[in-house]
PDB file of N, CA and C in Angstrom:
ATOM      1  N   MET A   1     121.721 172.429 112.100  1.00  0.00           N
ATOM      2  CA  MET A   1     122.964 171.567 110.984  1.00  0.00           C
ATOM      3  C   MET A   1     123.527 170.602 112.163  1.00  0.00           C
ATOM      4  N   ASP A   2     124.115 169.100 111.490  1.00  0.00           N
ATOM      5  CA  ASP A   2     125.494 168.718 112.095  1.00  0.00           C
ATOM      6  C   ASP A   2     126.318 168.702 112.503  1.00  0.00           C
ATOM      7  N   ALA A   3     127.070 169.461 113.494  1.00  0.00           N
ATOM      8  CA  ALA A   3     128.448 169.308 113.924  1.00  0.00           C
ATOM      9  C   ALA A   3     129.491 168.212 113.081  1.00  0.00           C
ATOM     10  N   ASN A   4     128.905 167.098 113.043  1.00  0.00           N
ATOM     11  CA  ASN A   4     129.945 166.204 112.050  1.00  0.00           C
ATOM     12  C   ASN A   4     130.235 166.698 110.622  1.00  0.00           C
ATOM     13  N   GLU A   5     129.137 167.381 109.987  1.00  0.00           N
ATOM     14  CA  GLU A   5     129.284 167.939 108.794  1.00  0.00           C
ATOM     15  C   GLU A   5     130.486 168.713 108.267  1.00  0.00           C
ATOM     16  N   THR A   6     131.313 167.946 107.601  1.00  0.00           N
ATOM     17  CA  THR A   6     132.247 168.129 106.774  1.00  0.00           C
ATOM     18  C   THR A   6     131.973 169.300 106.482  1.00  0.00           C
ATOM     19  N   VAL A   7     132.186 170.467 106.452  1.00  0.00           N
ATOM     20  CA  VAL A   7     132.118 171.868 105.408  1.00  0.00           C
ATOM     21  C   VAL A   7     133.433 171.985 104.780  1.00  0.00           C
ATOM     22  N   CYS A   8     134.212 171.690 105.330  1.00  0.00           N
ATOM     23  CA  CYS A   8     135.963 172.091 103.865  1.00  0.00           C
ATOM     24  C   CYS A   8     135.917 170.417 103.882  1.00  0.00           C
ATOM     25  N   HIS A   9     136.272 170.343 102.650  1.00  0.00           N
ATOM     26  CA  HIS A   9     136.647 168.924 101.964  1.00  0.00           C
ATOM     27  C   HIS A   9     137.566 168.831 102.317  1.00  0.00           C
ATOM     28  N   CYS A  10     138.354 169.673 101.381  1.00  0.00           N
ATOM     29  CA  CYS A  10     139.724 169.698 100.701  1.00  0.00           C
ATOM     30  C   CYS A  10     140.824 169.486 102.051  1.00  0.00           C
ATOM     31  N   MET A  11     140.273 170.008 103.475  1.00  0.00           N
ATOM     32  CA  MET A  11     140.879 170.330 104.896  1.00  0.00           C
ATOM     33  C   MET A  11     140.285 169.040 105.577  1.00  0.00           C
ATOM     34  N   SER A  12     139.191 168.634 105.170  1.00  0.00           N
ATOM     35  CA  SER A  12     138.912 167.616 105.999  1.00  0.00           C
ATOM     36  C   SER A  12     138.518 168.207 107.891  1.00  0.00           C
ATOM     37  N   VAL A  13     137.580 169.806 107.157  1.00  0.00           N
ATOM     38  CA  VAL A  13     137.150 170.255 108.550  1.00  0.00           C
ATOM     39  C   VAL A  13     135.565 169.970 108.693  1.00  0.00           C
ATOM     40  N   THR A  14     135.201 170.339 109.688  1.00  0.00           N
ATOM     41  CA  THR A  14     133.939 170.015 110.014  1.00  0.00           C
ATOM     42  C   THR A  14     133.801 170.846 110.770  1.00  0.00           C
ATOM     43  N   ARG A  15     131.977 171.121 110.540  1.00  0.00           N
ATOM     44  CA  ARG A  15     130.892 172.466 110.937  1.00  0.00           C
ATOM     45  C   ARG A  15     131.725 172.743 112.491  1.00  0.00           C
ATOM     46  N   GLY A  16     131.655 171.308 113.527  1.00  0.00           N
ATOM     47  CA  GLY A  16     132.139 171.295 115.191  1.00  0.00           C
ATOM     48  C   GLY A  16     133.278 171.917 115.014  1.00  0.00           C
ATOM     49  N   GLU A  17     134.049 171.693 114.428  1.00  0.00           N
ATOM     50  CA  GLU A  17     135.762 171.977 114.630  1.00  0.00           C
ATOM     51  C   GLU A  17     135.756 173.636 114.124  1.00  0.00           C
ATOM     52  N   ILE A  18     134.867 174.165 113.227  1.00  0.00           N
ATOM     53  CA  ILE A  18     135.139 175.625 112.699  1.00  0.00           C
ATOM     54  C   ILE A  18     134.244 176.210 113.919  1.00  0.00           C
ATOM     55  N   MET A  19     132.991 175.638 114.623  1.00  0.00           N
ATOM     56  CA  MET A  19     132.351 176.269 115.678  1.00  0.00           C
ATOM     57  C   MET A  19     133.531 176.271 117.241  1.00  0.00           C
ATOM     58  N   GLU A  20     134.047 175.089 117.247  1.00  0.00           N
ATOM     59  CA  GLU A  20     134.601 175.333 118.435  1.00  0.00           C
ATOM     60  C   GLU A  20     135.903 176.507 118.260  1.00  0.00           C
ATOM     61  N   ALA A  21     136.473 176.129 117.016  1.00  0.00           N
ATOM     62  CA  ALA A  21     137.514 177.539 117.180  1.00  0.00           C
ATOM     63  C   ALA A  21     137.225 178.768 117.557  1.00  0.00           C
ATOM     64  N   ILE A  22     136.279 178.787 116.363  1.00  0.00           N
ATOM     65  CA  ILE A  22     135.409 180.640 116.626  1.00  0.00           C
ATOM     66  C   ILE A  22     135.448 180.918 118.230  1.00  0.00           C
ATOM     67  N   LYS A  23     134.890 179.762 118.813  1.00  0.00           N
ATOM     68  CA  LYS A  23     134.000 180.412 120.279  1.00  0.00           C
ATOM     69  C   LYS A  23     135.525 180.448 121.096  1.00  0.00           C
ATOM     70  N   ALA A  24     136.409 179.612 120.783  1.00  0.00           N
ATOM     71  CA  ALA A  24     137.600 179.376 121.922  1.00  0.00           C
ATOM     72  C   ALA A  24     138.932 180.207 121.507  1.00  0.00           C
ATOM     73  N   GLY A  25     138.785 181.309 120.148  1.00  0.00           N
ATOM     74  CA  GLY A  25     139.836 181.582 119.641  1.00  0.00           C
ATOM     75  C   GLY A  25     139.147 183.171 119.590  1.00  0.00           C
ATOM     76  N   GLY A  26     138.111 183.321 119.952  1.00  0.00           N
ATOM     77  CA  GLY A  26     137.235 184.565 119.193  1.00  0.00           C
ATOM     78  C   GLY A  26     137.107 185.082 118.506  1.00  0.00           C
ATOM     79  N   LEU A  27     137.349 184.190 116.929  1.00  0.00           N
ATOM     80  CA  LEU A  27     137.692 184.398 115.670  1.00  0.00           C
ATOM     81  C   LEU A  27     136.736 185.436 115.007  1.00  0.00           C
ATOM     82  N   LYS A  28     136.732 186.144 114.222  1.00  0.00           N
ATOM     83  CA  LYS A  28     136.097 187.386 113.668  1.00  0.00           C
ATOM     84  C   LYS A  28     135.561 187.235 112.241  1.00  0.00           C
ATOM     85  N   THR A  29     136.567 186.153 111.563  1.00  0.00           N
ATOM     86  CA  THR A  29     136.955 186.524 110.056  1.00  0.00           C
ATOM     87  C   THR A  29     136.895 185.190 109.436  1.00  0.00           C
ATOM     88  N   VAL A  30     136.703 184.898 108.064  1.00  0.00           N
ATOM     89  CA  VAL A  30     136.752 183.751 107.306  1.00  0.00           C
ATOM     90  C   VAL A  30     138.742 183.387 107.587  1.00  0.00           C
ATOM     91  N   GLU A  31     139.063 184.572 107.156  1.00  0.00           N
ATOM     92  CA  GLU A  31     140.623 184.456 107.419  1.00  0.00           C
ATOM     93  C   GLU A  31     141.272 184.030 108.422  1.00  0.00           C
ATOM     94  N   GLU A  32     141.090 184.302 110.027  1.00  0.00           N
ATOM     95  CA  GLU A  32     141.328 183.983 111.552  1.00  0.00           C
ATOM     96  C   GLU A  32     140.855 182.299 110.936  1.00  0.00           C
ATOM     97  N   VAL A  33     139.476 181.887 110.831  1.00  0.00           N
ATOM     98  CA  VAL A  33     139.241 180.640 110.692  1.00  0.00           C
ATOM     99  C   VAL A  33     140.140 179.467 110.276  1.00  0.00           C
ATOM    100  N   GLY A  34     140.623 180.466 108.562  1.00  0.00           N
ATOM    101  CA  GLY A  34     141.717 179.499 108.327  1.00  0.00           C
ATOM    102  C   GLY A  34     142.757 179.184 108.607  1.00  0.00           C
ATOM    103  N   GLU A  35     143.037 180.617 109.221  1.00  0.00           N
ATOM    104  CA  GLU A  35     144.707 180.263 110.207  1.00  0.00           C
ATOM    105  C   GLU A  35     144.166 179.470 111.480  1.00  0.00           C
ATOM    106  N   ALA A  36     143.551 179.352 111.983  1.00  0.00           N
ATOM    107  CA  ALA A  36     143.478 178.390 113.161  1.00  0.00           C
ATOM    108  C   ALA A  36     142.837 177.046 112.794  1.00  0.00           C
ATOM    109  N   THR A  37     141.906 176.441 111.450  1.00  0.00           N
ATOM    110  CA  THR A  37     141.786 175.261 111.336  1.00  0.00           C
ATOM    111  C   THR A  37     142.226 174.780 109.612  1.00  0.00           C
ATOM    112  N   ALA A  38     142.378 175.909 108.901  1.00  0.00           N
ATOM    113  CA  ALA A  38     142.981 175.525 107.557  1.00  0.00           C
ATOM    114  C   ALA A  38     141.235 175.445 106.457  1.00  0.00           C
ATOM    115  N   ALA A  39     140.712 175.406 107.552  1.00  0.00           N
ATOM    116  CA  ALA A  39     139.412 175.447 106.362  1.00  0.00           C
ATOM    117  C   ALA A  39     139.638 176.825 105.684  1.00  0.00           C
ATOM    118  N   GLY A  40     139.263 176.214 104.740  1.00  0.00           N
ATOM    119  CA  GLY A  40     138.859 177.294 103.466  1.00  0.00           C
ATOM    120  C   GLY A  40     139.925 177.875 102.936  1.00  0.00           C
ATOM    121  N   THR A  41     141.529 177.052 102.549  1.00  0.00           N
ATOM    122  CA  THR A  41     142.715 177.497 102.626  1.00  0.00           C
ATOM    123  C   THR A  41     142.949 176.875 101.248  1.00  0.00           C
ATOM    124  N   GLY A  42     141.691 175.690 101.159  1.00  0.00           N
ATOM    125  CA  GLY A  42     142.536 175.224  99.839  1.00  0.00           C
ATOM    126  C   GLY A  42     141.867 176.013  98.380  1.00  0.00           C
ATOM    127  N   CYS A  43     140.756 175.385  98.202  1.00  0.00           N
ATOM    128  CA  CYS A  43     139.952 175.613  97.231  1.00  0.00           C
ATOM    129  C   CYS A  43     139.352 176.959  97.679  1.00  0.00           C
ATOM    130  N   GLY A  44     138.892 176.985  98.407  1.00  0.00           N
ATOM    131  CA  GLY A  44     137.893 178.047  98.729  1.00  0.00           C
ATOM    132  C   GLY A  44     136.348 178.083  98.860  1.00  0.00           C
ATOM    133  N   GLY A  45     136.178 177.047  98.791  1.00  0.00           N
ATOM    134  CA  GLY A  45     134.592 177.109  98.168  1.00  0.00           C
ATOM    135  C   GLY A  45     133.482 176.855  99.065  1.00  0.00           C
ATOM    136  N   CYS A  46     134.362 176.865 100.681  1.00  0.00           N
ATOM    137  CA  CYS A  46     133.291 176.928 101.618  1.00  0.00           C
ATOM    138  C   CYS A  46     133.587 178.274 102.247  1.00  0.00           C
ATOM    139  N   GLN A  47     134.290 178.745 101.728  1.00  0.00           N
ATOM    140  CA  GLN A  47     134.018 180.638 102.698  1.00  0.00           C
ATOM    141  C   GLN A  47     133.148 180.855 102.940  1.00  0.00           C
ATOM    142  N   SER A  48     132.484 180.553 101.991  1.00  0.00           N
ATOM    143  CA  SER A  48     130.992 181.198 101.880  1.00  0.00           C
ATOM    144  C   SER A  48     130.246 180.641 103.420  1.00  0.00           C
ATOM    145  N   VAL A  49     129.805 179.292 103.604  1.00  0.00           N
ATOM    146  CA  VAL A  49     129.695 178.281 104.413  1.00  0.00           C
ATOM    147  C   VAL A  49     130.748 178.896 105.889  1.00  0.00           C
ATOM    148  N   ILE A  50     131.878 178.979 105.500  1.00  0.00           N
ATOM    149  CA  ILE A  50     132.205 179.518 107.546  1.00  0.00           C
ATOM    150  C   ILE A  50     132.144 181.101 107.431  1.00  0.00           C
ATOM    151  N   GLN A  51     131.382 181.996 106.679  1.00  0.00           N
ATOM    152  CA  GLN A  51     131.119 183.212 107.097  1.00  0.00           C
ATOM    153  C   GLN A  51     129.731 182.815 107.223  1.00  0.00           C
ATOM    154  N   GLU A  52     128.715 182.200 107.238  1.00  0.00           N
ATOM    155  CA  GLU A  52     127.770 181.852 107.900  1.00  0.00           C
ATOM    156  C   GLU A  52     127.599 181.552 109.196  1.00  0.00           C
ATOM    157  N   ILE A  53     128.297 180.796 109.670  1.00  0.00           N
ATOM    158  CA  ILE A  53     128.903 179.853 110.260  1.00  0.00           C
ATOM    159  C   ILE A  53     129.483 180.907 111.657  1.00  0.00           C
ATOM    160  N   LEU A  54     130.334 182.040 110.813  1.00  0.00           N
ATOM    161  CA  LEU A  54     130.500 183.256 112.167  1.00  0.00           C
ATOM    162  C   LEU A  54     129.300 184.042 111.980  1.00  0.00           C
ATOM    163  N   GLU A  55     128.514 184.252 110.705  1.00  0.00           N
ATOM    164  CA  GLU A  55     127.503 185.189 111.416  1.00  0.00           C
ATOM    165  C   GLU A  55     126.583 184.765 112.532  1.00  0.00           C
ATOM    166  N   GLU A  56     126.248 183.233 112.803  1.00  0.00           N
ATOM    167  CA  GLU A  56     125.313 182.591 113.537  1.00  0.00           C
ATOM    168  C   GLU A  56     125.743 182.607 114.608  1.00  0.00           C
ATOM    169  N   LEU A  57     127.256 182.666 114.867  1.00  0.00           N
ATOM    170  CA  LEU A  57     128.208 182.841 116.197  1.00  0.00           C
ATOM    171  C   LEU A  57     128.091 184.330 116.829  1.00  0.00           C
ATOM    172  N   SER A  58     127.467 185.232 115.878  1.00  0.00           N
ATOM    173  CA  SER A  58     128.227 186.941 116.317  1.00  0.00           C
ATOM    174  C   SER A  58     126.915 187.236 117.383  1.00  0.00           C
TER     175      SER A  58
END
């Protein structure tokens, strides 16, 4: 997938921004990603994609 792809449309957060936050902060949960990037904190529709990214990077 493209790092420039918008994962969270509510908060305009890209896949690359999420991946960078996970790596830099050692994030392990969707909630931690939300705290760091605001992704998944709007409608919540992207939380499953955030979980997939977490699993890919673990």
